[in-house]
């Protein structure tokens, strides 16, 4: 059972990458709080299915977040459908593995666009709503990958470490307007993608050796923390970095 935060009822929340995985769990969690939810994602089939299931309080907009004009247009579409945005969850990312000696300049720039750049421009697009409304909450999703020194995806880990710097800068700049900005760093969360691509019995045993908690971490574990940080129960919390990794770090 999850806590209910009455102050979130009827707030407008925007979740990037919200059609599947951790993002979908976050979108569902806010919807369960009575929020109006906007979801931006490339996965049209899953996004439309989610909107059909959850009804008019959820608006799905198909969007390539690496296209900044398209991102801004998608934010405007959510605003038109659900009202000024009071909570932003920058969730979208892609942990594609890559060999350092094979990375090209174009590939590096594309990884930055997928994993970092859109977080800044999504925040830029919603901050005027939050300032006008006297406050808001932004939660940026990072990763523990850079904290544990994971190899095999240097561009991804570089971007995810940069999320913390972005979070702290935005928290400092917009705190005077009542905007709180925090980061959440998930550990190895058992999404459909992770289970399909990376998790084997051997890697799962490695996870349990490293985690203090000897169980699978699931998307709802992250969603509950994100919802808390968006609520007034966390009204004095900003400029912080919360780790959800079962004690790995």
C-alpha atoms as a PDB file:
ATOM      1  CA  UNK A   1       0.000   0.000   0.000  1.00  0.00           C
ATOM      2  CA  UNK A   2       1.256   3.471  -0.910  1.00  0.00           C
ATOM      3  CA  UNK A   3       0.777   6.675   1.060  1.00  0.00           C
ATOM      4  CA  UNK A   4      -1.817   9.177  -0.157  1.00  0.00           C
ATOM      5  CA  UNK A   5      -0.717  12.816  -0.317  1.00  0.00           C
ATOM      6  CA  UNK A   6      -3.872  14.909  -0.434  1.00  0.00           C
ATOM      7  CA  UNK A   7      -2.018  17.997  -1.632  1.00  0.00           C
ATOM      8  CA  UNK A   8      -1.206  16.227  -4.905  1.00  0.00           C
ATOM      9  CA  UNK A   9      -4.861  15.743  -5.801  1.00  0.00           C
ATOM     10  CA  UNK A  10      -5.702  17.585  -9.044  1.00  0.00           C
ATOM     11  CA  UNK A  11      -2.118  18.738  -9.629  1.00  0.00           C
ATOM     12  CA  UNK A  12      -0.754  18.514 -13.156  1.00  0.00           C
ATOM     13  CA  UNK A  13       2.289  16.267 -13.486  1.00  0.00           C
ATOM     14  CA  UNK A  14       4.468  15.754 -16.558  1.00  0.00           C
ATOM     15  CA  UNK A  15       6.449  12.507 -16.851  1.00  0.00           C
ATOM     16  CA  UNK A  16       8.959  12.036 -19.651  1.00  0.00           C
ATOM     17  CA  UNK A  17       9.499   8.483 -20.858  1.00  0.00           C
ATOM     18  CA  UNK A  18       6.288   7.567 -19.071  1.00  0.00           C
ATOM     19  CA  UNK A  19       4.903   4.869 -21.359  1.00  0.00           C
ATOM     20  CA  UNK A  20       6.937   1.984 -19.940  1.00  0.00           C
ATOM     21  CA  UNK A  21       9.313   0.845 -17.234  1.00  0.00           C
ATOM     22  CA  UNK A  22      10.017   3.143 -14.300  1.00  0.00           C
ATOM     23  CA  UNK A  23       8.286   6.035 -16.057  1.00  0.00           C
ATOM     24  CA  UNK A  24       5.036   4.128 -16.422  1.00  0.00           C
ATOM     25  CA  UNK A  25       5.106   3.208 -12.729  1.00  0.00           C
ATOM     26  CA  UNK A  26       5.627   6.893 -11.891  1.00  0.00           C
ATOM     27  CA  UNK A  27       2.779   8.001 -14.153  1.00  0.00           C
ATOM     28  CA  UNK A  28       0.441   5.420 -12.624  1.00  0.00           C
ATOM     29  CA  UNK A  29       1.461   6.405  -9.097  1.00  0.00           C
ATOM     30  CA  UNK A  30       0.644  10.065  -9.681  1.00  0.00           C
ATOM     31  CA  UNK A  31      -2.623   9.161 -11.368  1.00  0.00           C
ATOM     32  CA  UNK A  32      -3.545   7.137  -8.277  1.00  0.00           C
ATOM     33  CA  UNK A  33      -2.967  10.291  -6.211  1.00  0.00           C
ATOM     34  CA  UNK A  34      -5.694  12.060  -8.199  1.00  0.00           C
ATOM     35  CA  UNK A  35      -3.252  13.997 -10.372  1.00  0.00           C
ATOM     36  CA  UNK A  36      -3.739  15.039 -13.961  1.00  0.00           C
ATOM     37  CA  UNK A  37      -0.836  13.442 -15.803  1.00  0.00           C
ATOM     38  CA  UNK A  38       0.958  14.162 -19.055  1.00  0.00           C
ATOM     39  CA  UNK A  39       3.178  11.458 -20.527  1.00  0.00           C
ATOM     40  CA  UNK A  40       5.762  12.085 -23.253  1.00  0.00           C
ATOM     41  CA  UNK A  41       7.271   9.059 -24.977  1.00  0.00           C
ATOM     42  CA  UNK A  42       8.324   7.633 -28.336  1.00  0.00           C
ATOM     43  CA  UNK A  43       6.405   4.392 -27.751  1.00  0.00           C
ATOM     44  CA  UNK A  44       3.070   5.275 -29.321  1.00  0.00           C
ATOM     45  CA  UNK A  45       1.428   1.891 -28.800  1.00  0.00           C
ATOM     46  CA  UNK A  46       2.159   1.744 -25.085  1.00  0.00           C
ATOM     47  CA  UNK A  47       1.445   5.415 -24.532  1.00  0.00           C
ATOM     48  CA  UNK A  48      -1.936   5.250 -26.220  1.00  0.00           C
ATOM     49  CA  UNK A  49      -2.809   2.051 -24.350  1.00  0.00           C
ATOM     50  CA  UNK A  50      -1.952   3.716 -21.038  1.00  0.00           C
ATOM     51  CA  UNK A  51      -4.096   6.742 -21.895  1.00  0.00           C
ATOM     52  CA  UNK A  52      -7.007   4.517 -22.920  1.00  0.00           C
ATOM     53  CA  UNK A  53      -6.739   2.560 -19.676  1.00  0.00           C
ATOM     54  CA  UNK A  54      -6.449   5.518 -17.294  1.00  0.00           C
ATOM     55  CA  UNK A  55      -8.868   7.876 -19.002  1.00  0.00           C
ATOM     56  CA  UNK A  56      -9.127  11.646 -19.392  1.00  0.00           C
ATOM     57  CA  UNK A  57      -6.852  12.541 -16.471  1.00  0.00           C
ATOM     58  CA  UNK A  58      -3.902  11.198 -18.492  1.00  0.00           C
ATOM     59  CA  UNK A  59      -2.761  12.792 -21.735  1.00  0.00           C
ATOM     60  CA  UNK A  60      -0.204  11.000 -23.913  1.00  0.00           C
ATOM     61  CA  UNK A  61       1.841  12.940 -26.452  1.00  0.00           C
ATOM     62  CA  UNK A  62       4.197  11.086 -28.778  1.00  0.00           C
ATOM     63  CA  UNK A  63       7.485  12.958 -28.707  1.00  0.00           C
ATOM     64  CA  UNK A  64      11.158  12.596 -29.592  1.00  0.00           C
ATOM     65  CA  UNK A  65      12.664  14.347 -26.584  1.00  0.00           C
ATOM     66  CA  UNK A  66      15.944  14.904 -28.411  1.00  0.00           C
ATOM     67  CA  UNK A  67      14.079  17.313 -30.742  1.00  0.00           C
ATOM     68  CA  UNK A  68      13.845  20.401 -28.529  1.00  0.00           C
ATOM     69  CA  UNK A  69      11.151  22.220 -30.581  1.00  0.00           C
ATOM     70  CA  UNK A  70       9.079  19.016 -30.536  1.00  0.00           C
ATOM     71  CA  UNK A  71       9.620  18.735 -26.777  1.00  0.00           C
ATOM     72  CA  UNK A  72       8.408  22.285 -26.241  1.00  0.00           C
ATOM     73  CA  UNK A  73       5.359  21.632 -28.432  1.00  0.00           C
ATOM     74  CA  UNK A  74       4.564  18.468 -26.484  1.00  0.00           C
ATOM     75  CA  UNK A  75       4.774  20.332 -23.178  1.00  0.00           C
ATOM     76  CA  UNK A  76       2.386  22.934 -24.590  1.00  0.00           C
ATOM     77  CA  UNK A  77      -0.012  20.164 -25.650  1.00  0.00           C
ATOM     78  CA  UNK A  78      -0.045  18.718 -22.138  1.00  0.00           C
ATOM     79  CA  UNK A  79      -0.578  22.187 -20.683  1.00  0.00           C
ATOM     80  CA  UNK A  80      -3.520  22.786 -23.021  1.00  0.00           C
ATOM     81  CA  UNK A  81      -5.086  19.453 -22.071  1.00  0.00           C
ATOM     82  CA  UNK A  82      -4.402  19.294 -18.328  1.00  0.00           C
ATOM     83  CA  UNK A  83      -3.488  22.803 -17.158  1.00  0.00           C
ATOM     84  CA  UNK A  84      -0.274  24.500 -15.983  1.00  0.00           C
ATOM     85  CA  UNK A  85       2.379  21.988 -15.023  1.00  0.00           C
ATOM     86  CA  UNK A  86       3.165  21.878 -11.324  1.00  0.00           C
ATOM     87  CA  UNK A  87       5.344  18.751 -11.174  1.00  0.00           C
ATOM     88  CA  UNK A  88       7.952  17.590 -13.688  1.00  0.00           C
ATOM     89  CA  UNK A  89       9.563  14.167 -13.578  1.00  0.00           C
ATOM     90  CA  UNK A  90      12.533  13.948 -15.948  1.00  0.00           C
ATOM     91  CA  UNK A  91      12.613  10.183 -16.286  1.00  0.00           C
ATOM     92  CA  UNK A  92      13.439   9.401 -19.911  1.00  0.00           C
ATOM     93  CA  UNK A  93      16.848   7.865 -20.624  1.00  0.00           C
ATOM     94  CA  UNK A  94      18.490   5.022 -22.539  1.00  0.00           C
ATOM     95  CA  UNK A  95      21.278   2.946 -21.027  1.00  0.00           C
ATOM     96  CA  UNK A  96      22.654   1.614 -24.304  1.00  0.00           C
ATOM     97  CA  UNK A  97      26.029  -0.049 -23.851  1.00  0.00           C
ATOM     98  CA  UNK A  98      28.933   1.171 -25.946  1.00  0.00           C
ATOM     99  CA  UNK A  99      32.655   0.529 -26.346  1.00  0.00           C
ATOM    100  CA  UNK A 100      34.666   3.674 -25.643  1.00  0.00           C
ATOM    101  CA  UNK A 101      37.116   3.185 -28.506  1.00  0.00           C
ATOM    102  CA  UNK A 102      34.237   2.920 -30.986  1.00  0.00           C
ATOM    103  CA  UNK A 103      32.295   6.017 -29.905  1.00  0.00           C
ATOM    104  CA  UNK A 104      32.033   8.721 -32.566  1.00  0.00           C
ATOM    105  CA  UNK A 105      31.345  12.385 -31.974  1.00  0.00           C
ATOM    106  CA  UNK A 106      27.847  11.985 -33.420  1.00  0.00           C
ATOM    107  CA  UNK A 107      27.111   9.014 -31.159  1.00  0.00           C
ATOM    108  CA  UNK A 108      28.350  10.908 -28.086  1.00  0.00           C
ATOM    109  CA  UNK A 109      26.150  13.910 -28.909  1.00  0.00           C
ATOM    110  CA  UNK A 110      23.165  11.627 -29.403  1.00  0.00           C
ATOM    111  CA  UNK A 111      23.738   9.937 -26.028  1.00  0.00           C
ATOM    112  CA  UNK A 112      23.888  13.341 -24.344  1.00  0.00           C
ATOM    113  CA  UNK A 113      20.654  14.344 -26.072  1.00  0.00           C
ATOM    114  CA  UNK A 114      18.901  11.151 -24.951  1.00  0.00           C
ATOM    115  CA  UNK A 115      20.166  11.136 -21.365  1.00  0.00           C
ATOM    116  CA  UNK A 116      20.739  14.741 -20.277  1.00  0.00           C
ATOM    117  CA  UNK A 117      19.918  17.579 -22.656  1.00  0.00           C
ATOM    118  CA  UNK A 118      16.153  17.079 -22.622  1.00  0.00           C
ATOM    119  CA  UNK A 119      16.075  17.304 -18.813  1.00  0.00           C
ATOM    120  CA  UNK A 120      17.280  20.897 -19.001  1.00  0.00           C
ATOM    121  CA  UNK A 121      14.884  21.912 -21.764  1.00  0.00           C
ATOM    122  CA  UNK A 122      11.893  20.191 -20.179  1.00  0.00           C
ATOM    123  CA  UNK A 123      12.610  22.116 -16.980  1.00  0.00           C
ATOM    124  CA  UNK A 124      12.995  25.323 -18.958  1.00  0.00           C
ATOM    125  CA  UNK A 125       9.597  24.712 -20.565  1.00  0.00           C
ATOM    126  CA  UNK A 126       7.689  24.182 -17.298  1.00  0.00           C
ATOM    127  CA  UNK A 127       9.432  26.602 -14.941  1.00  0.00           C
ATOM    128  CA  UNK A 128       7.300  29.580 -16.046  1.00  0.00           C
ATOM    129  CA  UNK A 129       4.186  27.635 -14.979  1.00  0.00           C
ATOM    130  CA  UNK A 130       5.721  26.911 -11.590  1.00  0.00           C
ATOM    131  CA  UNK A 131       6.896  30.484 -11.037  1.00  0.00           C
ATOM    132  CA  UNK A 132       3.476  31.853 -11.963  1.00  0.00           C
ATOM    133  CA  UNK A 133       1.813  29.358  -9.636  1.00  0.00           C
ATOM    134  CA  UNK A 134       4.039  30.165  -6.681  1.00  0.00           C
ATOM    135  CA  UNK A 135       6.000  26.909  -6.656  1.00  0.00           C
ATOM    136  CA  UNK A 136       6.402  23.411  -7.978  1.00  0.00           C
ATOM    137  CA  UNK A 137       8.558  20.321  -7.879  1.00  0.00           C
ATOM    138  CA  UNK A 138      11.045  18.853 -10.337  1.00  0.00           C
ATOM    139  CA  UNK A 139      12.453  15.362  -9.889  1.00  0.00           C
ATOM    140  CA  UNK A 140      15.344  14.375 -12.161  1.00  0.00           C
ATOM    141  CA  UNK A 141      16.129  10.690 -12.577  1.00  0.00           C
ATOM    142  CA  UNK A 142      19.811   9.856 -12.376  1.00  0.00           C
ATOM    143  CA  UNK A 143      21.471   6.487 -11.838  1.00  0.00           C
ATOM    144  CA  UNK A 144      23.834   4.755  -9.464  1.00  0.00           C
ATOM    145  CA  UNK A 145      25.862   3.514 -12.450  1.00  0.00           C
ATOM    146  CA  UNK A 146      28.407   6.325 -12.115  1.00  0.00           C
ATOM    147  CA  UNK A 147      28.503   5.948  -8.347  1.00  0.00           C
ATOM    148  CA  UNK A 148      29.560   2.290  -8.507  1.00  0.00           C
ATOM    149  CA  UNK A 149      31.999   2.869 -11.359  1.00  0.00           C
ATOM    150  CA  UNK A 150      30.123   0.771 -13.881  1.00  0.00           C
ATOM    151  CA  UNK A 151      31.943   0.367 -17.179  1.00  0.00           C
ATOM    152  CA  UNK A 152      30.795  -0.227 -20.726  1.00  0.00           C
ATOM    153  CA  UNK A 153      28.724   2.931 -21.193  1.00  0.00           C
ATOM    154  CA  UNK A 154      30.856   5.980 -20.478  1.00  0.00           C
ATOM    155  CA  UNK A 155      28.549   8.447 -22.201  1.00  0.00           C
ATOM    156  CA  UNK A 156      25.562   7.230 -20.183  1.00  0.00           C
ATOM    157  CA  UNK A 157      27.348   7.369 -16.842  1.00  0.00           C
ATOM    158  CA  UNK A 158      28.770  10.805 -17.641  1.00  0.00           C
ATOM    159  CA  UNK A 159      25.273  12.113 -18.349  1.00  0.00           C
ATOM    160  CA  UNK A 160      23.801  10.535 -15.245  1.00  0.00           C
ATOM    161  CA  UNK A 161      26.458  12.067 -13.022  1.00  0.00           C
ATOM    162  CA  UNK A 162      25.716  15.433 -14.651  1.00  0.00           C
ATOM    163  CA  UNK A 163      22.057  15.116 -13.606  1.00  0.00           C
ATOM    164  CA  UNK A 164      23.133  15.865 -10.050  1.00  0.00           C
ATOM    165  CA  UNK A 165      24.877  19.082 -11.091  1.00  0.00           C
ATOM    166  CA  UNK A 166      21.840  20.153 -13.106  1.00  0.00           C
ATOM    167  CA  UNK A 167      19.569  19.405 -10.153  1.00  0.00           C
ATOM    168  CA  UNK A 168      21.596  21.481  -7.720  1.00  0.00           C
ATOM    169  CA  UNK A 169      21.896  24.422 -10.082  1.00  0.00           C
ATOM    170  CA  UNK A 170      18.144  24.536 -10.757  1.00  0.00           C
ATOM    171  CA  UNK A 171      17.382  24.144  -7.045  1.00  0.00           C
ATOM    172  CA  UNK A 172      19.581  27.144  -6.237  1.00  0.00           C
ATOM    173  CA  UNK A 173      18.272  29.333  -9.054  1.00  0.00           C
ATOM    174  CA  UNK A 174      14.553  28.725  -8.544  1.00  0.00           C
ATOM    175  CA  UNK A 175      14.189  28.070  -4.830  1.00  0.00           C
ATOM    176  CA  UNK A 176      13.227  31.698  -4.304  1.00  0.00           C
ATOM    177  CA  UNK A 177      10.143  30.991  -6.425  1.00  0.00           C
ATOM    178  CA  UNK A 178       9.113  28.014  -4.304  1.00  0.00           C
ATOM    179  CA  UNK A 179      10.367  25.467  -6.827  1.00  0.00           C
ATOM    180  CA  UNK A 180      11.982  22.407  -5.286  1.00  0.00           C
ATOM    181  CA  UNK A 181      14.386  20.326  -7.384  1.00  0.00           C
ATOM    182  CA  UNK A 182      15.698  16.916  -6.357  1.00  0.00           C
ATOM    183  CA  UNK A 183      17.319  13.915  -8.018  1.00  0.00           C
ATOM    184  CA  UNK A 184      16.591  10.225  -7.597  1.00  0.00           C
ATOM    185  CA  UNK A 185      19.227   7.644  -8.489  1.00  0.00           C
ATOM    186  CA  UNK A 186      17.785   4.168  -9.071  1.00  0.00           C
ATOM    187  CA  UNK A 187      19.952   1.101  -8.758  1.00  0.00           C
ATOM    188  CA  UNK A 188      19.317  -2.012 -10.818  1.00  0.00           C
ATOM    189  CA  UNK A 189      15.536  -1.894 -11.210  1.00  0.00           C
ATOM    190  CA  UNK A 190      13.887  -4.965 -12.705  1.00  0.00           C
ATOM    191  CA  UNK A 191      12.022  -3.406 -15.622  1.00  0.00           C
ATOM    192  CA  UNK A 192      10.896  -5.431 -18.629  1.00  0.00           C
ATOM    193  CA  UNK A 193      13.848  -4.051 -20.598  1.00  0.00           C
ATOM    194  CA  UNK A 194      16.409  -4.994 -17.968  1.00  0.00           C
ATOM    195  CA  UNK A 195      14.993  -8.482 -17.592  1.00  0.00           C
ATOM    196  CA  UNK A 196      14.928  -8.999 -21.356  1.00  0.00           C
ATOM    197  CA  UNK A 197      18.394  -7.639 -22.151  1.00  0.00           C
ATOM    198  CA  UNK A 198      20.730  -7.836 -19.179  1.00  0.00           C
ATOM    199  CA  UNK A 199      19.495  -9.873 -16.240  1.00  0.00           C
ATOM    200  CA  UNK A 200      20.618 -13.495 -16.101  1.00  0.00           C
ATOM    201  CA  UNK A 201      20.692 -15.847 -13.110  1.00  0.00           C
ATOM    202  CA  UNK A 202      24.381 -14.979 -12.766  1.00  0.00           C
ATOM    203  CA  UNK A 203      23.883 -11.214 -12.863  1.00  0.00           C
ATOM    204  CA  UNK A 204      20.985 -11.479 -10.441  1.00  0.00           C
ATOM    205  CA  UNK A 205      23.230 -13.266  -7.968  1.00  0.00           C
ATOM    206  CA  UNK A 206      25.764 -10.452  -8.398  1.00  0.00           C
ATOM    207  CA  UNK A 207      23.017  -7.927  -7.654  1.00  0.00           C
ATOM    208  CA  UNK A 208      22.110  -9.707  -4.432  1.00  0.00           C
ATOM    209  CA  UNK A 209      25.769  -9.878  -3.383  1.00  0.00           C
ATOM    210  CA  UNK A 210      26.018  -6.106  -3.722  1.00  0.00           C
ATOM    211  CA  UNK A 211      22.639  -5.061  -2.353  1.00  0.00           C
ATOM    212  CA  UNK A 212      21.961  -5.035   1.367  1.00  0.00           C
ATOM    213  CA  UNK A 213      18.381  -6.056   0.528  1.00  0.00           C
ATOM    214  CA  UNK A 214      18.269  -9.493  -1.044  1.00  0.00           C
ATOM    215  CA  UNK A 215      15.290  -8.940  -3.287  1.00  0.00           C
ATOM    216  CA  UNK A 216      14.430  -7.587  -6.678  1.00  0.00           C
ATOM    217  CA  UNK A 217      13.947  -3.841  -6.877  1.00  0.00           C
ATOM    218  CA  UNK A 218      10.928  -2.938  -8.994  1.00  0.00           C
ATOM    219  CA  UNK A 219       9.689   0.274 -10.672  1.00  0.00           C
ATOM    220  CA  UNK A 220       7.190   0.972  -7.889  1.00  0.00           C
ATOM    221  CA  UNK A 221      10.112   1.245  -5.435  1.00  0.00           C
ATOM    222  CA  UNK A 222      11.299   4.287  -7.379  1.00  0.00           C
ATOM    223  CA  UNK A 223       7.826   5.669  -8.058  1.00  0.00           C
ATOM    224  CA  UNK A 224       6.974   5.900  -4.360  1.00  0.00           C
ATOM    225  CA  UNK A 225      10.065   8.030  -3.673  1.00  0.00           C
ATOM    226  CA  UNK A 226       9.347  10.308  -6.634  1.00  0.00           C
ATOM    227  CA  UNK A 227       5.752  10.885  -5.527  1.00  0.00           C
ATOM    228  CA  UNK A 228       6.914  11.677  -1.995  1.00  0.00           C
ATOM    229  CA  UNK A 229       9.415  14.246  -3.263  1.00  0.00           C
ATOM    230  CA  UNK A 230       6.703  15.931  -5.320  1.00  0.00           C
ATOM    231  CA  UNK A 231       4.355  16.185  -2.340  1.00  0.00           C
ATOM    232  CA  UNK A 232       4.210  18.753   0.436  1.00  0.00           C
ATOM    233  CA  UNK A 233       5.382  16.020   2.820  1.00  0.00           C
ATOM    234  CA  UNK A 234       8.768  16.856   1.273  1.00  0.00           C
ATOM    235  CA  UNK A 235       8.104  20.596   1.368  1.00  0.00           C
ATOM    236  CA  UNK A 236      11.460  21.418   3.004  1.00  0.00           C
ATOM    237  CA  UNK A 237      13.479  19.095   0.761  1.00  0.00           C
ATOM    238  CA  UNK A 238      15.342  20.475  -2.238  1.00  0.00           C
ATOM    239  CA  UNK A 239      18.837  20.291  -3.758  1.00  0.00           C
ATOM    240  CA  UNK A 240      19.106  16.637  -2.654  1.00  0.00           C
ATOM    241  CA  UNK A 241      20.037  13.291  -4.203  1.00  0.00           C
ATOM    242  CA  UNK A 242      18.063  10.223  -3.129  1.00  0.00           C
ATOM    243  CA  UNK A 243      19.395   6.750  -3.889  1.00  0.00           C
ATOM    244  CA  UNK A 244      17.014   3.816  -4.394  1.00  0.00           C
ATOM    245  CA  UNK A 245      19.334   0.845  -4.830  1.00  0.00           C
ATOM    246  CA  UNK A 246      18.649  -1.589  -1.999  1.00  0.00           C
ATOM    247  CA  UNK A 247      21.818  -0.495  -0.237  1.00  0.00           C
ATOM    248  CA  UNK A 248      24.276  -1.262  -3.072  1.00  0.00           C
ATOM    249  CA  UNK A 249      26.116   2.054  -2.654  1.00  0.00           C
END
